[in-house]
Amino acid sequence: SSGINAEYGGANYSNWKLDIELWIEFTTMKKKKQGTAFLLELPDGKIKDKVRSLGKEVLASEEGMTRIIEYLDKIYLEDTAQESYRAYSKFEKYSRPAGMSLQDYISEFETLLSDLRK
């Protein structure tokens, strides 16, 4: 295993992308191998098919991960206004569910607030 969580569940592309960018900074893997390692860690499905479509020349290149991220951004990155609206709407509608501890509520509230400030 390459140590990367390449699975994207569709919830928040920006957070998933940040995880990938941090992995790129953290890993000691040679740049020429990162794109291939990323592809091999992806679960079978649409994203893996899209990344595979870039071809060996791109995936096994020095700028493979940069090209992968640029390509996925075109497909999955929402425009900033839509992402901001979604964060605002989620924050505005949030209320403490019955049975939730105050500590868990504050933690979730702070997460939502942080997302709103991005």
PDB file of N, CA and C in Angstrom:
ATOM      1  N   SER A   1       0.833  -1.193   0.000  1.00  0.00           N
ATOM      2  CA  SER A   1       0.000   0.000   0.000  1.00  0.00           C
ATOM      3  C   SER A   1       0.875   1.253   0.000  1.00  0.00           C
ATOM      4  N   SER A   2       0.398   2.274  -0.677  1.00  0.00           N
ATOM      5  CA  SER A   2       1.172   3.506  -0.812  1.00  0.00           C
ATOM      6  C   SER A   2       0.943   4.468   0.351  1.00  0.00           C
ATOM      7  N   GLY A   3      -0.012   4.149   1.231  1.00  0.00           N
ATOM      8  CA  GLY A   3      -0.303   5.031   2.348  1.00  0.00           C
ATOM      9  C   GLY A   3      -1.299   6.125   2.009  1.00  0.00           C
ATOM     10  N   ILE A   4      -1.886   6.080   0.826  1.00  0.00           N
ATOM     11  CA  ILE A   4      -2.834   7.107   0.409  1.00  0.00           C
ATOM     12  C   ILE A   4      -4.245   6.543   0.458  1.00  0.00           C
ATOM     13  N   ASN A   5      -5.186   7.342   0.941  1.00  0.00           N
ATOM     14  CA  ASN A   5      -6.596   6.959   0.890  1.00  0.00           C
ATOM     15  C   ASN A   5      -7.164   7.568  -0.384  1.00  0.00           C
ATOM     16  N   ALA A   6      -7.224   6.755  -1.422  1.00  0.00           N
ATOM     17  CA  ALA A   6      -7.634   7.264  -2.722  1.00  0.00           C
ATOM     18  C   ALA A   6      -9.138   7.171  -2.951  1.00  0.00           C
ATOM     19  N   GLU A   7      -9.882   6.692  -1.966  1.00  0.00           N
ATOM     20  CA  GLU A   7     -11.318   6.532  -2.160  1.00  0.00           C
ATOM     21  C   GLU A   7     -12.039   7.859  -1.954  1.00  0.00           C
ATOM     22  N   TYR A   8     -12.801   8.252  -2.952  1.00  0.00           N
ATOM     23  CA  TYR A   8     -13.607   9.480  -2.876  1.00  0.00           C
ATOM     24  C   TYR A   8     -15.062   9.081  -2.817  1.00  0.00           C
ATOM     25  N   GLY A   9     -15.713   9.411  -1.722  1.00  0.00           N
ATOM     26  CA  GLY A   9     -17.104   9.024  -1.543  1.00  0.00           C
ATOM     27  C   GLY A   9     -18.107  10.019  -2.093  1.00  0.00           C
ATOM     28  N   GLY A  10     -17.650  11.115  -2.642  1.00  0.00           N
ATOM     29  CA  GLY A  10     -18.551  12.083  -3.244  1.00  0.00           C
ATOM     30  C   GLY A  10     -19.070  13.158  -2.305  1.00  0.00           C
ATOM     31  N   ALA A  11     -18.702  13.100  -1.036  1.00  0.00           N
ATOM     32  CA  ALA A  11     -19.246  14.050  -0.067  1.00  0.00           C
ATOM     33  C   ALA A  11     -18.633  15.439  -0.204  1.00  0.00           C
ATOM     34  N   ASN A  12     -17.331  15.526  -0.236  1.00  0.00           N
ATOM     35  CA  ASN A  12     -16.686  16.828  -0.305  1.00  0.00           C
ATOM     36  C   ASN A  12     -15.378  16.697  -1.077  1.00  0.00           C
ATOM     37  N   TYR A  13     -15.425  17.040  -2.339  1.00  0.00           N
ATOM     38  CA  TYR A  13     -14.252  16.902  -3.201  1.00  0.00           C
ATOM     39  C   TYR A  13     -13.085  17.739  -2.696  1.00  0.00           C
ATOM     40  N   SER A  14     -13.350  18.945  -2.212  1.00  0.00           N
ATOM     41  CA  SER A  14     -12.271  19.826  -1.743  1.00  0.00           C
ATOM     42  C   SER A  14     -11.489  19.188  -0.601  1.00  0.00           C
ATOM     43  N   ASN A  15     -12.182  18.543   0.330  1.00  0.00           N
ATOM     44  CA  ASN A  15     -11.491  17.874   1.444  1.00  0.00           C
ATOM     45  C   ASN A  15     -10.689  16.677   0.946  1.00  0.00           C
ATOM     46  N   TRP A  16     -11.274  15.907   0.030  1.00  0.00           N
ATOM     47  CA  TRP A  16     -10.569  14.752  -0.532  1.00  0.00           C
ATOM     48  C   TRP A  16      -9.326  15.211  -1.285  1.00  0.00           C
ATOM     49  N   LYS A  17      -9.471  16.281  -2.055  1.00  0.00           N
ATOM     50  CA  LYS A  17      -8.339  16.825  -2.805  1.00  0.00           C
ATOM     51  C   LYS A  17      -7.235  17.284  -1.844  1.00  0.00           C
ATOM     52  N   LEU A  18      -7.602  17.929  -0.746  1.00  0.00           N
ATOM     53  CA  LEU A  18      -6.622  18.355   0.246  1.00  0.00           C
ATOM     54  C   LEU A  18      -5.855  17.156   0.799  1.00  0.00           C
ATOM     55  N   ASP A  19      -6.567  16.067   1.091  1.00  0.00           N
ATOM     56  CA  ASP A  19      -5.893  14.852   1.567  1.00  0.00           C
ATOM     57  C   ASP A  19      -4.870  14.365   0.550  1.00  0.00           C
ATOM     58  N   ILE A  20      -5.225  14.392  -0.711  1.00  0.00           N
ATOM     59  CA  ILE A  20      -4.318  13.948  -1.778  1.00  0.00           C
ATOM     60  C   ILE A  20      -3.110  14.884  -1.858  1.00  0.00           C
ATOM     61  N   GLU A  21      -3.351  16.180  -1.798  1.00  0.00           N
ATOM     62  CA  GLU A  21      -2.247  17.156  -1.865  1.00  0.00           C
ATOM     63  C   GLU A  21      -1.302  17.002  -0.675  1.00  0.00           C
ATOM     64  N   LEU A  22      -1.855  16.725   0.496  1.00  0.00           N
ATOM     65  CA  LEU A  22      -1.017  16.507   1.674  1.00  0.00           C
ATOM     66  C   LEU A  22      -0.201  15.224   1.539  1.00  0.00           C
ATOM     67  N   TRP A  23      -0.820  14.190   0.965  1.00  0.00           N
ATOM     68  CA  TRP A  23      -0.079  12.954   0.718  1.00  0.00           C
ATOM     69  C   TRP A  23       1.097  13.217  -0.227  1.00  0.00           C
ATOM     70  N   ILE A  24       0.866  14.009  -1.259  1.00  0.00           N
ATOM     71  CA  ILE A  24       1.926  14.340  -2.218  1.00  0.00           C
ATOM     72  C   ILE A  24       3.095  15.015  -1.496  1.00  0.00           C
ATOM     73  N   GLU A  25       2.787  15.925  -0.576  1.00  0.00           N
ATOM     74  CA  GLU A  25       3.831  16.614   0.191  1.00  0.00           C
ATOM     75  C   GLU A  25       4.539  15.675   1.167  1.00  0.00           C
ATOM     76  N   PHE A  26       3.811  14.729   1.709  1.00  0.00           N
ATOM     77  CA  PHE A  26       4.308  13.860   2.765  1.00  0.00           C
ATOM     78  C   PHE A  26       5.117  12.670   2.250  1.00  0.00           C
ATOM     79  N   THR A  27       4.690  12.106   1.137  1.00  0.00           N
ATOM     80  CA  THR A  27       5.280  10.851   0.676  1.00  0.00           C
ATOM     81  C   THR A  27       6.730  11.025   0.220  1.00  0.00           C
ATOM     82  N   THR A  28       7.488   9.958   0.394  1.00  0.00           N
ATOM     83  CA  THR A  28       8.865   9.941  -0.101  1.00  0.00           C
ATOM     84  C   THR A  28       8.933   9.228  -1.452  1.00  0.00           C
ATOM     85  N   MET A  29       7.775   8.818  -1.951  1.00  0.00           N
ATOM     86  CA  MET A  29       7.710   8.128  -3.228  1.00  0.00           C
ATOM     87  C   MET A  29       8.148   9.071  -4.351  1.00  0.00           C
ATOM     88  N   LYS A  30       8.902   8.558  -5.291  1.00  0.00           N
ATOM     89  CA  LYS A  30       9.339   9.367  -6.425  1.00  0.00           C
ATOM     90  C   LYS A  30       8.128   9.869  -7.201  1.00  0.00           C
ATOM     91  N   LYS A  31       8.230  11.118  -7.681  1.00  0.00           N
ATOM     92  CA  LYS A  31       7.112  11.742  -8.396  1.00  0.00           C
ATOM     93  C   LYS A  31       6.638  10.903  -9.578  1.00  0.00           C
ATOM     94  N   LYS A  32       7.562  10.251 -10.267  1.00  0.00           N
ATOM     95  CA  LYS A  32       7.205   9.445 -11.440  1.00  0.00           C
ATOM     96  C   LYS A  32       6.342   8.234 -11.078  1.00  0.00           C
ATOM     97  N   LYS A  33       6.330   7.853  -9.808  1.00  0.00           N
ATOM     98  CA  LYS A  33       5.559   6.683  -9.379  1.00  0.00           C
ATOM     99  C   LYS A  33       4.244   7.071  -8.695  1.00  0.00           C
ATOM    100  N   GLN A  34       4.078   8.326  -8.330  1.00  0.00           N
ATOM    101  CA  GLN A  34       2.906   8.742  -7.563  1.00  0.00           C
ATOM    102  C   GLN A  34       1.596   8.561  -8.329  1.00  0.00           C
ATOM    103  N   GLY A  35       1.571   8.930  -9.599  1.00  0.00           N
ATOM    104  CA  GLY A  35       0.341   8.806 -10.388  1.00  0.00           C
ATOM    105  C   GLY A  35      -0.105   7.367 -10.518  1.00  0.00           C
ATOM    106  N   THR A  36       0.837   6.480 -10.765  1.00  0.00           N
ATOM    107  CA  THR A  36       0.527   5.058 -10.877  1.00  0.00           C
ATOM    108  C   THR A  36       0.057   4.504  -9.535  1.00  0.00           C
ATOM    109  N   ALA A  37       0.736   4.865  -8.454  1.00  0.00           N
ATOM    110  CA  ALA A  37       0.334   4.408  -7.117  1.00  0.00           C
ATOM    111  C   ALA A  37      -1.074   4.888  -6.791  1.00  0.00           C
ATOM    112  N   PHE A  38      -1.374   6.132  -7.138  1.00  0.00           N
ATOM    113  CA  PHE A  38      -2.704   6.693  -6.895  1.00  0.00           C
ATOM    114  C   PHE A  38      -3.762   5.894  -7.650  1.00  0.00           C
ATOM    115  N   LEU A  39      -3.517   5.631  -8.937  1.00  0.00           N
ATOM    116  CA  LEU A  39      -4.458   4.857  -9.741  1.00  0.00           C
ATOM    117  C   LEU A  39      -4.697   3.484  -9.118  1.00  0.00           C
ATOM    118  N   LEU A  40      -3.633   2.822  -8.726  1.00  0.00           N
ATOM    119  CA  LEU A  40      -3.762   1.469  -8.186  1.00  0.00           C
ATOM    120  C   LEU A  40      -4.487   1.433  -6.845  1.00  0.00           C
ATOM    121  N   GLU A  41      -4.485   2.536  -6.103  1.00  0.00           N
ATOM    122  CA  GLU A  41      -5.186   2.602  -4.819  1.00  0.00           C
ATOM    123  C   GLU A  41      -6.662   2.968  -4.974  1.00  0.00           C
ATOM    124  N   LEU A  42      -7.044   3.495  -6.126  1.00  0.00           N
ATOM    125  CA  LEU A  42      -8.442   3.853  -6.340  1.00  0.00           C
ATOM    126  C   LEU A  42      -9.306   2.600  -6.414  1.00  0.00           C
ATOM    127  N   PRO A  43     -10.486   2.632  -5.770  1.00  0.00           N
ATOM    128  CA  PRO A  43     -11.399   1.496  -5.928  1.00  0.00           C
ATOM    129  C   PRO A  43     -11.952   1.496  -7.356  1.00  0.00           C
ATOM    130  N   ASP A  44     -12.323   0.315  -7.857  1.00  0.00           N
ATOM    131  CA  ASP A  44     -12.908   0.247  -9.193  1.00  0.00           C
ATOM    132  C   ASP A  44     -14.135   1.140  -9.259  1.00  0.00           C
ATOM    133  N   GLY A  45     -14.280   1.850 -10.362  1.00  0.00           N
ATOM    134  CA  GLY A  45     -15.423   2.729 -10.531  1.00  0.00           C
ATOM    135  C   GLY A  45     -15.113   3.870 -11.482  1.00  0.00           C
ATOM    136  N   LYS A  46     -15.997   4.868 -11.467  1.00  0.00           N
ATOM    137  CA  LYS A  46     -15.906   5.987 -12.411  1.00  0.00           C
ATOM    138  C   LYS A  46     -14.606   6.766 -12.297  1.00  0.00           C
ATOM    139  N   ILE A  47     -14.196   7.084 -11.077  1.00  0.00           N
ATOM    140  CA  ILE A  47     -12.990   7.901 -10.918  1.00  0.00           C
ATOM    141  C   ILE A  47     -11.768   7.132 -11.410  1.00  0.00           C
ATOM    142  N   LYS A  48     -11.675   5.860 -11.065  1.00  0.00           N
ATOM    143  CA  LYS A  48     -10.531   5.063 -11.525  1.00  0.00           C
ATOM    144  C   LYS A  48     -10.510   5.021 -13.051  1.00  0.00           C
ATOM    145  N   ASP A  49     -11.677   4.853 -13.669  1.00  0.00           N
ATOM    146  CA  ASP A  49     -11.751   4.824 -15.130  1.00  0.00           C
ATOM    147  C   ASP A  49     -11.306   6.158 -15.727  1.00  0.00           C
ATOM    148  N   LYS A  50     -11.720   7.258 -15.097  1.00  0.00           N
ATOM    149  CA  LYS A  50     -11.338   8.585 -15.598  1.00  0.00           C
ATOM    150  C   LYS A  50      -9.827   8.799 -15.477  1.00  0.00           C
ATOM    151  N   VAL A  51      -9.263   8.431 -14.326  1.00  0.00           N
ATOM    152  CA  VAL A  51      -7.815   8.585 -14.129  1.00  0.00           C
ATOM    153  C   VAL A  51      -7.056   7.675 -15.096  1.00  0.00           C
ATOM    154  N   ARG A  52      -7.508   6.453 -15.253  1.00  0.00           N
ATOM    155  CA  ARG A  52      -6.853   5.515 -16.172  1.00  0.00           C
ATOM    156  C   ARG A  52      -6.853   6.051 -17.600  1.00  0.00           C
ATOM    157  N   SER A  53      -7.896   6.789 -17.955  1.00  0.00           N
ATOM    158  CA  SER A  53      -8.006   7.318 -19.320  1.00  0.00           C
ATOM    159  C   SER A  53      -6.907   8.322 -19.652  1.00  0.00           C
ATOM    160  N   LEU A  54      -6.219   8.838 -18.648  1.00  0.00           N
ATOM    161  CA  LEU A  54      -5.113   9.767 -18.898  1.00  0.00           C
ATOM    162  C   LEU A  54      -3.924   9.058 -19.547  1.00  0.00           C
ATOM    163  N   GLY A  55      -3.837   7.760 -19.357  1.00  0.00           N
ATOM    164  CA  GLY A  55      -2.805   6.963 -20.014  1.00  0.00           C
ATOM    165  C   GLY A  55      -1.501   6.870 -19.244  1.00  0.00           C
ATOM    166  N   LYS A  56      -0.720   5.875 -19.623  1.00  0.00           N
ATOM    167  CA  LYS A  56       0.547   5.576 -18.957  1.00  0.00           C
ATOM    168  C   LYS A  56       1.522   6.739 -19.045  1.00  0.00           C
ATOM    169  N   GLU A  57       1.563   7.402 -20.181  1.00  0.00           N
ATOM    170  CA  GLU A  57       2.516   8.504 -20.370  1.00  0.00           C
ATOM    171  C   GLU A  57       2.318   9.605 -19.325  1.00  0.00           C
ATOM    172  N   VAL A  58       1.059   9.928 -19.023  1.00  0.00           N
ATOM    173  CA  VAL A  58       0.760  10.957 -18.019  1.00  0.00           C
ATOM    174  C   VAL A  58       0.949  10.397 -16.613  1.00  0.00           C
ATOM    175  N   LEU A  59       0.374   9.227 -16.352  1.00  0.00           N
ATOM    176  CA  LEU A  59       0.394   8.663 -14.999  1.00  0.00           C
ATOM    177  C   LEU A  59       1.805   8.386 -14.500  1.00  0.00           C
ATOM    178  N   ALA A  60       2.696   7.981 -15.383  1.00  0.00           N
ATOM    179  CA  ALA A  60       4.063   7.632 -14.984  1.00  0.00           C
ATOM    180  C   ALA A  60       5.049   8.772 -15.209  1.00  0.00           C
ATOM    181  N   SER A  61       4.540   9.991 -15.287  1.00  0.00           N
ATOM    182  CA  SER A  61       5.416  11.143 -15.522  1.00  0.00           C
ATOM    183  C   SER A  61       5.692  11.900 -14.222  1.00  0.00           C
ATOM    184  N   GLU A  62       6.676  12.772 -14.268  1.00  0.00           N
ATOM    185  CA  GLU A  62       7.022  13.620 -13.113  1.00  0.00           C
ATOM    186  C   GLU A  62       5.833  14.465 -12.666  1.00  0.00           C
ATOM    187  N   GLU A  63       5.014  14.912 -13.608  1.00  0.00           N
ATOM    188  CA  GLU A  63       3.878  15.765 -13.271  1.00  0.00           C
ATOM    189  C   GLU A  63       2.556  14.994 -13.277  1.00  0.00           C
ATOM    190  N   GLY A  64       2.637  13.673 -13.098  1.00  0.00           N
ATOM    191  CA  GLY A  64       1.442  12.825 -13.131  1.00  0.00           C
ATOM    192  C   GLY A  64       0.360  13.237 -12.150  1.00  0.00           C
ATOM    193  N   MET A  65       0.715  13.438 -10.896  1.00  0.00           N
ATOM    194  CA  MET A  65      -0.299  13.808  -9.898  1.00  0.00           C
ATOM    195  C   MET A  65      -0.870  15.193 -10.167  1.00  0.00           C
ATOM    196  N   THR A  66      -0.044  16.106 -10.626  1.00  0.00           N
ATOM    197  CA  THR A  66      -0.546  17.444 -10.968  1.00  0.00           C
ATOM    198  C   THR A  66      -1.577  17.337 -12.076  1.00  0.00           C
ATOM    199  N   ARG A  67      -1.282  16.553 -13.080  1.00  0.00           N
ATOM    200  CA  ARG A  67      -2.203  16.379 -14.210  1.00  0.00           C
ATOM    201  C   ARG A  67      -3.486  15.669 -13.782  1.00  0.00           C
ATOM    202  N   ILE A  68      -3.356  14.682 -12.884  1.00  0.00           N
ATOM    203  CA  ILE A  68      -4.539  13.982 -12.376  1.00  0.00           C
ATOM    204  C   ILE A  68      -5.451  14.953 -11.636  1.00  0.00           C
ATOM    205  N   ILE A  69      -4.873  15.745 -10.747  1.00  0.00           N
ATOM    206  CA  ILE A  69      -5.675  16.691  -9.968  1.00  0.00           C
ATOM    207  C   ILE A  69      -6.325  17.730 -10.878  1.00  0.00           C
ATOM    208  N   GLU A  70      -5.590  18.259 -11.839  1.00  0.00           N
ATOM    209  CA  GLU A  70      -6.161  19.223 -12.787  1.00  0.00           C
ATOM    210  C   GLU A  70      -7.350  18.606 -13.522  1.00  0.00           C
ATOM    211  N   TYR A  71      -7.205  17.370 -13.949  1.00  0.00           N
ATOM    212  CA  TYR A  71      -8.258  16.668 -14.684  1.00  0.00           C
ATOM    213  C   TYR A  71      -9.490  16.446 -13.798  1.00  0.00           C
ATOM    214  N   LEU A  72      -9.270  15.960 -12.571  1.00  0.00           N
ATOM    215  CA  LEU A  72     -10.392  15.713 -11.664  1.00  0.00           C
ATOM    216  C   LEU A  72     -11.068  17.009 -11.234  1.00  0.00           C
ATOM    217  N   ASP A  73     -10.280  18.090 -11.102  1.00  0.00           N
ATOM    218  CA  ASP A  73     -10.867  19.398 -10.770  1.00  0.00           C
ATOM    219  C   ASP A  73     -11.900  19.808 -11.811  1.00  0.00           C
ATOM    220  N   LYS A  74     -11.578  19.584 -13.074  1.00  0.00           N
ATOM    221  CA  LYS A  74     -12.508  19.969 -14.154  1.00  0.00           C
ATOM    222  C   LYS A  74     -13.826  19.227 -14.028  1.00  0.00           C
ATOM    223  N   ILE A  75     -13.783  18.033 -13.475  1.00  0.00           N
ATOM    224  CA  ILE A  75     -14.979  17.208 -13.373  1.00  0.00           C
ATOM    225  C   ILE A  75     -15.724  17.433 -12.053  1.00  0.00           C
ATOM    226  N   TYR A  76     -14.989  17.477 -10.940  1.00  0.00           N
ATOM    227  CA  TYR A  76     -15.623  17.424  -9.622  1.00  0.00           C
ATOM    228  C   TYR A  76     -15.608  18.708  -8.802  1.00  0.00           C
ATOM    229  N   LEU A  77     -14.725  19.636  -9.112  1.00  0.00           N
ATOM    230  CA  LEU A  77     -14.634  20.833  -8.283  1.00  0.00           C
ATOM    231  C   LEU A  77     -15.816  21.749  -8.572  1.00  0.00           C
ATOM    232  N   GLU A  78     -16.613  21.968  -7.564  1.00  0.00           N
ATOM    233  CA  GLU A  78     -17.764  22.849  -7.714  1.00  0.00           C
ATOM    234  C   GLU A  78     -17.273  24.283  -7.797  1.00  0.00           C
ATOM    235  N   ASP A  79     -18.073  25.109  -8.404  1.00  0.00           N
ATOM    236  CA  ASP A  79     -17.655  26.499  -8.382  1.00  0.00           C
ATOM    237  C   ASP A  79     -17.759  27.011  -6.952  1.00  0.00           C
ATOM    238  N   THR A  80     -16.962  27.979  -6.641  1.00  0.00           N
ATOM    239  CA  THR A  80     -16.819  28.472  -5.281  1.00  0.00           C
ATOM    240  C   THR A  80     -18.142  28.937  -4.692  1.00  0.00           C
ATOM    241  N   ALA A  81     -18.962  29.583  -5.478  1.00  0.00           N
ATOM    242  CA  ALA A  81     -20.247  30.082  -4.975  1.00  0.00           C
ATOM    243  C   ALA A  81     -21.144  28.931  -4.537  1.00  0.00           C
ATOM    244  N   GLN A  82     -21.190  27.866  -5.318  1.00  0.00           N
ATOM    245  CA  GLN A  82     -22.033  26.724  -4.974  1.00  0.00           C
ATOM    246  C   GLN A  82     -21.533  26.039  -3.711  1.00  0.00           C
ATOM    247  N   GLU A  83     -20.228  25.884  -3.599  1.00  0.00           N
ATOM    248  CA  GLU A  83     -19.653  25.261  -2.415  1.00  0.00           C
ATOM    249  C   GLU A  83     -19.908  26.125  -1.169  1.00  0.00           C
ATOM    250  N   SER A  84     -19.764  27.443  -1.314  1.00  0.00           N
ATOM    251  CA  SER A  84     -20.019  28.355  -0.196  1.00  0.00           C
ATOM    252  C   SER A  84     -21.482  28.303   0.228  1.00  0.00           C
ATOM    253  N   TYR A  85     -22.385  28.257  -0.751  1.00  0.00           N
ATOM    254  CA  TYR A  85     -23.804  28.190  -0.431  1.00  0.00           C
ATOM    255  C   TYR A  85     -24.135  26.897   0.313  1.00  0.00           C
ATOM    256  N   ARG A  86     -23.540  25.783  -0.136  1.00  0.00           N
ATOM    257  CA  ARG A  86     -23.801  24.505   0.519  1.00  0.00           C
ATOM    258  C   ARG A  86     -23.330  24.552   1.977  1.00  0.00           C
ATOM    259  N   ALA A  87     -22.150  25.121   2.224  1.00  0.00           N
ATOM    260  CA  ALA A  87     -21.629  25.226   3.594  1.00  0.00           C
ATOM    261  C   ALA A  87     -22.530  26.129   4.439  1.00  0.00           C
ATOM    262  N   TYR A  88     -22.972  27.251   3.854  1.00  0.00           N
ATOM    263  CA  TYR A  88     -23.860  28.177   4.575  1.00  0.00           C
ATOM    264  C   TYR A  88     -25.181  27.492   4.918  1.00  0.00           C
ATOM    265  N   SER A  89     -25.754  26.810   3.954  1.00  0.00           N
ATOM    266  CA  SER A  89     -27.035  26.150   4.154  1.00  0.00           C
ATOM    267  C   SER A  89     -26.945  25.077   5.234  1.00  0.00           C
ATOM    268  N   LYS A  90     -25.877  24.295   5.197  1.00  0.00           N
ATOM    269  CA  LYS A  90     -25.675  23.244   6.195  1.00  0.00           C
ATOM    270  C   LYS A  90     -25.513  23.850   7.590  1.00  0.00           C
ATOM    271  N   PHE A  91     -24.755  24.951   7.676  1.00  0.00           N
ATOM    272  CA  PHE A  91     -24.542  25.633   8.951  1.00  0.00           C
ATOM    273  C   PHE A  91     -25.859  26.207   9.477  1.00  0.00           C
ATOM    274  N   GLU A  92     -26.595  26.847   8.608  1.00  0.00           N
ATOM    275  CA  GLU A  92     -27.849  27.522   8.990  1.00  0.00           C
ATOM    276  C   GLU A  92     -28.901  26.519   9.479  1.00  0.00           C
ATOM    277  N   LYS A  93     -28.937  25.336   8.897  1.00  0.00           N
ATOM    278  CA  LYS A  93     -29.953  24.337   9.237  1.00  0.00           C
ATOM    279  C   LYS A  93     -29.562  23.452  10.418  1.00  0.00           C
ATOM    280  N   TYR A  94     -28.324  23.547  10.856  1.00  0.00           N
ATOM    281  CA  TYR A  94     -27.854  22.638  11.894  1.00  0.00           C
ATOM    282  C   TYR A  94     -28.487  22.948  13.237  1.00  0.00           C
ATOM    283  N   SER A  95     -28.959  21.893  13.886  1.00  0.00           N
ATOM    284  CA  SER A  95     -29.452  22.020  15.262  1.00  0.00           C
ATOM    285  C   SER A  95     -29.027  20.763  16.021  1.00  0.00           C
ATOM    286  N   ARG A  96     -28.989  20.882  17.290  1.00  0.00           N
ATOM    287  CA  ARG A  96     -28.524  19.776  18.138  1.00  0.00           C
ATOM    288  C   ARG A  96     -29.567  18.662  18.171  1.00  0.00           C
ATOM    289  N   PRO A  97     -29.200  17.495  17.663  1.00  0.00           N
ATOM    290  CA  PRO A  97     -30.135  16.361  17.703  1.00  0.00           C
ATOM    291  C   PRO A  97     -30.364  15.883  19.136  1.00  0.00           C
ATOM    292  N   ALA A  98     -31.538  15.346  19.364  1.00  0.00           N
ATOM    293  CA  ALA A  98     -31.857  14.798  20.686  1.00  0.00           C
ATOM    294  C   ALA A  98     -30.848  13.708  21.025  1.00  0.00           C
ATOM    295  N   GLY A  99     -30.351  13.741  22.236  1.00  0.00           N
ATOM    296  CA  GLY A  99     -29.430  12.724  22.708  1.00  0.00           C
ATOM    297  C   GLY A  99     -27.963  13.006  22.418  1.00  0.00           C
ATOM    298  N   MET A 100     -27.672  14.070  21.678  1.00  0.00           N
ATOM    299  CA  MET A 100     -26.276  14.410  21.375  1.00  0.00           C
ATOM    300  C   MET A 100     -25.686  15.167  22.551  1.00  0.00           C
ATOM    301  N   SER A 101     -24.475  14.786  22.931  1.00  0.00           N
ATOM    302  CA  SER A 101     -23.828  15.475  24.040  1.00  0.00           C
ATOM    303  C   SER A 101     -23.468  16.900  23.619  1.00  0.00           C
ATOM    304  N   LEU A 102     -23.350  17.761  24.593  1.00  0.00           N
ATOM    305  CA  LEU A 102     -22.993  19.151  24.306  1.00  0.00           C
ATOM    306  C   LEU A 102     -21.606  19.222  23.668  1.00  0.00           C
ATOM    307  N   GLN A 103     -20.692  18.385  24.131  1.00  0.00           N
ATOM    308  CA  GLN A 103     -19.332  18.366  23.585  1.00  0.00           C
ATOM    309  C   GLN A 103     -19.357  17.974  22.098  1.00  0.00           C
ATOM    310  N   ASP A 104     -20.144  16.940  21.735  1.00  0.00           N
ATOM    311  CA  ASP A 104     -20.248  16.531  20.328  1.00  0.00           C
ATOM    312  C   ASP A 104     -20.911  17.617  19.485  1.00  0.00           C
ATOM    313  N   TYR A 105     -21.915  18.274  20.054  1.00  0.00           N
ATOM    314  CA  TYR A 105     -22.595  19.362  19.339  1.00  0.00           C
ATOM    315  C   TYR A 105     -21.619  20.508  19.051  1.00  0.00           C
ATOM    316  N   ILE A 106     -20.859  20.898  20.047  1.00  0.00           N
ATOM    317  CA  ILE A 106     -19.889  21.996  19.868  1.00  0.00           C
ATOM    318  C   ILE A 106     -18.836  21.606  18.834  1.00  0.00           C
ATOM    319  N   SER A 107     -18.387  20.365  18.883  1.00  0.00           N
ATOM    320  CA  SER A 107     -17.400  19.897  17.915  1.00  0.00           C
ATOM    321  C   SER A 107     -17.947  19.969  16.490  1.00  0.00           C
ATOM    322  N   GLU A 108     -19.163  19.492  16.287  1.00  0.00           N
ATOM    323  CA  GLU A 108     -19.787  19.539  14.955  1.00  0.00           C
ATOM    324  C   GLU A 108     -20.041  20.985  14.527  1.00  0.00           C
ATOM    325  N   PHE A 109     -20.482  21.831  15.459  1.00  0.00           N
ATOM    326  CA  PHE A 109     -20.722  23.237  15.174  1.00  0.00           C
ATOM    327  C   PHE A 109     -19.434  23.912  14.702  1.00  0.00           C
ATOM    328  N   GLU A 110     -18.330  23.630  15.388  1.00  0.00           N
ATOM    329  CA  GLU A 110     -17.041  24.225  15.013  1.00  0.00           C
ATOM    330  C   GLU A 110     -16.573  23.735  13.642  1.00  0.00           C
ATOM    331  N   THR A 111     -16.847  22.481  13.329  1.00  0.00           N
ATOM    332  CA  THR A 111     -16.511  21.948  11.998  1.00  0.00           C
ATOM    333  C   THR A 111     -17.308  22.677  10.921  1.00  0.00           C
ATOM    334  N   LEU A 112     -18.596  22.839  11.146  1.00  0.00           N
ATOM    335  CA  LEU A 112     -19.451  23.536  10.186  1.00  0.00           C
ATOM    336  C   LEU A 112     -19.026  24.994  10.041  1.00  0.00           C
ATOM    337  N   LEU A 113     -18.676  25.631  11.126  1.00  0.00           N
ATOM    338  CA  LEU A 113     -18.218  27.011  11.106  1.00  0.00           C
ATOM    339  C   LEU A 113     -16.915  27.130  10.321  1.00  0.00           C
ATOM    340  N   SER A 114     -16.021  26.190  10.526  1.00  0.00           N
ATOM    341  CA  SER A 114     -14.759  26.169   9.792  1.00  0.00           C
ATOM    342  C   SER A 114     -15.007  26.017   8.295  1.00  0.00           C
ATOM    343  N   ASP A 115     -15.916  25.126   7.914  1.00  0.00           N
ATOM    344  CA  ASP A 115     -16.266  24.949   6.503  1.00  0.00           C
ATOM    345  C   ASP A 115     -16.850  26.224   5.920  1.00  0.00           C
ATOM    346  N   LEU A 116     -17.608  26.940   6.717  1.00  0.00           N
ATOM    347  CA  LEU A 116     -18.218  28.190   6.271  1.00  0.00           C
ATOM    348  C   LEU A 116     -17.174  29.272   6.013  1.00  0.00           C
ATOM    349  N   ARG A 117     -16.113  29.268   6.776  1.00  0.00           N
ATOM    350  CA  ARG A 117     -15.062  30.292   6.655  1.00  0.00           C
ATOM    351  C   ARG A 117     -14.061  30.013   5.530  1.00  0.00           C
ATOM    352  N   LYS A 118     -14.111  28.836   4.933  1.00  0.00           N
ATOM    353  CA  LYS A 118     -13.143  28.487   3.868  1.00  0.00           C
ATOM    354  C   LYS A 118     -13.341  29.344   2.642  1.00  0.00           C
TER     355      LYS A 118
END
